[in-house]
Amino acid sequence: MVYHIGIGKRGQTMVIEACRNIDYLSCEIYDYMGRRDTTKKHLRENRYGLLKLMQDKRPEVYRDLKYAVVE
């Protein structure tokens, strides 16, 4: 499936939003990762790898986060 991926945060949690329609992404995302051919199961299995990637890429935004969830 093709999902639009947006990354946001809530408290100490990075929120990975995966929507089939870009219009359903939250307006409060920090980063838009584009359209990806993936599944929510794959995103859930790799969410902490994505958290590490985002902490390295944008430490000013994601440095203090400890958790990751997929919505």
N, C-alpha and C. Protein backbone atom coordinates (compact mmCIF):
# COMPACT_ATOMS: atom_id res chain seq x y z
N MET A 1 0.83 -1.18 0.00
CA MET A 1 0.00 0.00 0.00
C MET A 1 0.88 1.24 0.00
N VAL A 2 0.36 2.29 -0.56
CA VAL A 2 1.06 3.56 -0.57
C VAL A 2 0.46 4.47 0.50
N TYR A 3 1.32 4.95 1.38
CA TYR A 3 0.91 5.84 2.46
C TYR A 3 1.69 7.14 2.39
N HIS A 4 1.05 8.21 2.80
CA HIS A 4 1.73 9.48 3.03
C HIS A 4 2.19 9.41 4.48
N ILE A 5 3.47 9.71 4.73
CA ILE A 5 4.05 9.59 6.06
C ILE A 5 4.37 10.97 6.61
N GLY A 6 3.83 11.25 7.79
CA GLY A 6 4.12 12.49 8.49
C GLY A 6 4.65 12.17 9.88
N ILE A 7 5.57 13.00 10.37
CA ILE A 7 6.17 12.78 11.67
C ILE A 7 5.82 13.96 12.58
N GLY A 8 5.27 13.65 13.73
CA GLY A 8 4.95 14.67 14.72
C GLY A 8 5.44 14.22 16.08
N LYS A 9 5.06 14.95 17.09
CA LYS A 9 5.44 14.53 18.43
C LYS A 9 4.36 14.93 19.41
N ARG A 10 4.28 14.13 20.47
CA ARG A 10 3.32 14.33 21.55
C ARG A 10 4.02 13.96 22.85
N GLY A 11 4.32 14.94 23.68
CA GLY A 11 5.06 14.66 24.91
C GLY A 11 6.44 14.13 24.58
N GLN A 12 6.77 12.95 25.09
CA GLN A 12 8.07 12.32 24.82
C GLN A 12 7.96 11.26 23.72
N THR A 13 6.92 11.35 22.91
CA THR A 13 6.65 10.33 21.90
C THR A 13 6.68 10.91 20.50
N MET A 14 7.40 10.25 19.59
CA MET A 14 7.35 10.60 18.17
C MET A 14 6.14 9.87 17.59
N VAL A 15 5.29 10.61 16.89
CA VAL A 15 4.08 10.05 16.29
C VAL A 15 4.30 9.94 14.78
N ILE A 16 4.24 8.72 14.28
CA ILE A 16 4.38 8.46 12.85
C ILE A 16 2.97 8.30 12.29
N GLU A 17 2.56 9.24 11.47
CA GLU A 17 1.23 9.18 10.86
C GLU A 17 1.35 8.58 9.47
N ALA A 18 0.52 7.62 9.18
CA ALA A 18 0.49 6.98 7.87
C ALA A 18 -0.94 7.03 7.35
N CYS A 19 -1.16 7.81 6.30
CA CYS A 19 -2.50 8.00 5.74
C CYS A 19 -2.47 7.73 4.24
N ARG A 20 -3.53 7.16 3.74
CA ARG A 20 -3.60 6.90 2.30
C ARG A 20 -3.91 8.16 1.51
N ASN A 21 -4.48 9.16 2.18
CA ASN A 21 -4.78 10.44 1.54
C ASN A 21 -4.04 11.52 2.31
N ILE A 22 -3.28 12.34 1.61
CA ILE A 22 -2.47 13.38 2.26
C ILE A 22 -3.33 14.35 3.07
N ASP A 23 -4.58 14.53 2.67
CA ASP A 23 -5.46 15.46 3.37
C ASP A 23 -5.79 15.01 4.80
N TYR A 24 -5.55 13.74 5.12
CA TYR A 24 -5.86 13.24 6.45
C TYR A 24 -4.69 13.32 7.42
N LEU A 25 -3.52 13.78 6.96
CA LEU A 25 -2.40 13.99 7.87
C LEU A 25 -2.71 15.18 8.77
N SER A 26 -2.26 15.11 10.00
CA SER A 26 -2.45 16.19 10.95
C SER A 26 -1.76 17.46 10.45
N CYS A 27 -2.31 18.59 10.79
CA CYS A 27 -1.67 19.86 10.42
C CYS A 27 -0.52 20.17 11.37
N GLU A 28 -0.32 19.34 12.39
CA GLU A 28 0.72 19.59 13.38
C GLU A 28 1.95 18.70 13.20
N ILE A 29 2.18 18.18 12.00
CA ILE A 29 3.38 17.37 11.77
C ILE A 29 4.60 18.30 11.62
N TYR A 30 5.74 17.78 12.01
CA TYR A 30 6.99 18.52 11.89
C TYR A 30 7.69 18.21 10.58
N ASP A 31 7.56 16.97 10.11
CA ASP A 31 8.21 16.55 8.87
C ASP A 31 7.27 15.69 8.04
N TYR A 32 7.28 15.95 6.74
CA TYR A 32 6.54 15.13 5.79
C TYR A 32 7.57 14.28 5.05
N MET A 33 7.41 12.97 5.14
CA MET A 33 8.38 12.05 4.55
C MET A 33 8.02 11.61 3.14
N GLY A 34 6.89 12.08 2.64
CA GLY A 34 6.49 11.75 1.27
C GLY A 34 5.62 10.51 1.20
N ARG A 35 5.41 10.07 -0.04
CA ARG A 35 4.64 8.85 -0.29
C ARG A 35 5.57 7.66 -0.22
N ARG A 36 5.16 6.64 0.51
CA ARG A 36 5.99 5.44 0.67
C ARG A 36 5.15 4.20 0.44
N ASP A 37 5.74 3.24 -0.25
CA ASP A 37 5.10 1.94 -0.43
C ASP A 37 5.50 1.08 0.77
N THR A 38 4.61 0.99 1.75
CA THR A 38 4.92 0.29 3.00
C THR A 38 3.62 -0.20 3.63
N THR A 39 3.74 -0.80 4.78
CA THR A 39 2.56 -1.20 5.55
C THR A 39 2.70 -0.62 6.96
N LYS A 40 1.59 -0.51 7.66
CA LYS A 40 1.65 -0.02 9.04
C LYS A 40 2.38 -1.03 9.92
N LYS A 41 2.27 -2.31 9.61
CA LYS A 41 3.00 -3.33 10.36
C LYS A 41 4.51 -3.10 10.24
N HIS A 42 4.97 -2.84 9.03
CA HIS A 42 6.40 -2.58 8.80
C HIS A 42 6.85 -1.32 9.55
N LEU A 43 6.02 -0.28 9.53
CA LEU A 43 6.35 0.94 10.26
C LEU A 43 6.43 0.68 11.76
N ARG A 44 5.49 -0.10 12.29
CA ARG A 44 5.51 -0.41 13.73
C ARG A 44 6.76 -1.19 14.11
N GLU A 45 7.13 -2.15 13.27
CA GLU A 45 8.31 -2.97 13.56
C GLU A 45 9.60 -2.15 13.53
N ASN A 46 9.62 -1.08 12.75
CA ASN A 46 10.83 -0.28 12.56
C ASN A 46 10.73 1.12 13.16
N ARG A 47 9.77 1.35 14.04
CA ARG A 47 9.53 2.71 14.55
C ARG A 47 10.70 3.27 15.35
N TYR A 48 11.42 2.43 16.08
CA TYR A 48 12.55 2.96 16.86
C TYR A 48 13.76 3.24 15.97
N GLY A 49 13.89 2.54 14.88
CA GLY A 49 14.92 2.88 13.89
C GLY A 49 14.62 4.23 13.25
N LEU A 50 13.35 4.47 12.98
CA LEU A 50 12.93 5.76 12.42
C LEU A 50 13.13 6.88 13.44
N LEU A 51 12.85 6.59 14.71
CA LEU A 51 13.09 7.58 15.77
C LEU A 51 14.58 7.95 15.80
N LYS A 52 15.45 6.97 15.75
CA LYS A 52 16.90 7.23 15.75
C LYS A 52 17.30 8.05 14.53
N LEU A 53 16.76 7.71 13.38
CA LEU A 53 17.05 8.45 12.15
C LEU A 53 16.65 9.92 12.28
N MET A 54 15.45 10.16 12.82
CA MET A 54 14.97 11.53 12.96
C MET A 54 15.75 12.28 14.03
N GLN A 55 16.19 11.60 15.08
CA GLN A 55 17.02 12.25 16.11
C GLN A 55 18.36 12.68 15.52
N ASP A 56 18.90 11.88 14.62
CA ASP A 56 20.16 12.23 13.96
C ASP A 56 19.97 13.35 12.95
N LYS A 57 18.84 13.31 12.23
CA LYS A 57 18.57 14.28 11.17
C LYS A 57 18.17 15.65 11.72
N ARG A 58 17.32 15.67 12.74
CA ARG A 58 16.82 16.93 13.30
C ARG A 58 16.83 16.88 14.82
N PRO A 59 18.02 16.91 15.41
CA PRO A 59 18.12 16.79 16.87
C PRO A 59 17.41 17.92 17.61
N GLU A 60 17.30 19.08 17.02
CA GLU A 60 16.64 20.19 17.70
C GLU A 60 15.15 19.92 17.92
N VAL A 61 14.57 19.04 17.15
CA VAL A 61 13.15 18.71 17.27
C VAL A 61 12.93 17.41 18.04
N TYR A 62 13.73 16.38 17.74
CA TYR A 62 13.45 15.03 18.22
C TYR A 62 14.40 14.51 19.30
N ARG A 63 15.38 15.27 19.71
CA ARG A 63 16.42 14.81 20.63
C ARG A 63 15.87 14.20 21.91
N ASP A 64 14.89 14.82 22.54
CA ASP A 64 14.43 14.41 23.86
C ASP A 64 13.34 13.33 23.84
N LEU A 65 13.01 12.82 22.68
CA LEU A 65 11.93 11.82 22.59
C LEU A 65 12.45 10.43 22.96
N LYS A 66 11.60 9.65 23.62
CA LYS A 66 11.98 8.30 24.07
C LYS A 66 11.16 7.20 23.43
N TYR A 67 9.97 7.53 22.94
CA TYR A 67 9.03 6.53 22.44
C TYR A 67 8.62 6.86 21.00
N ALA A 68 8.06 5.85 20.34
CA ALA A 68 7.55 6.05 18.98
C ALA A 68 6.29 5.21 18.80
N VAL A 69 5.29 5.80 18.17
CA VAL A 69 4.05 5.08 17.86
C VAL A 69 3.67 5.35 16.41
N VAL A 70 2.87 4.44 15.87
CA VAL A 70 2.35 4.58 14.51
C VAL A 70 0.85 4.76 14.59
N GLU A 71 0.34 5.76 13.91
CA GLU A 71 -1.11 6.00 13.87
C GLU A 71 -1.59 5.99 12.44
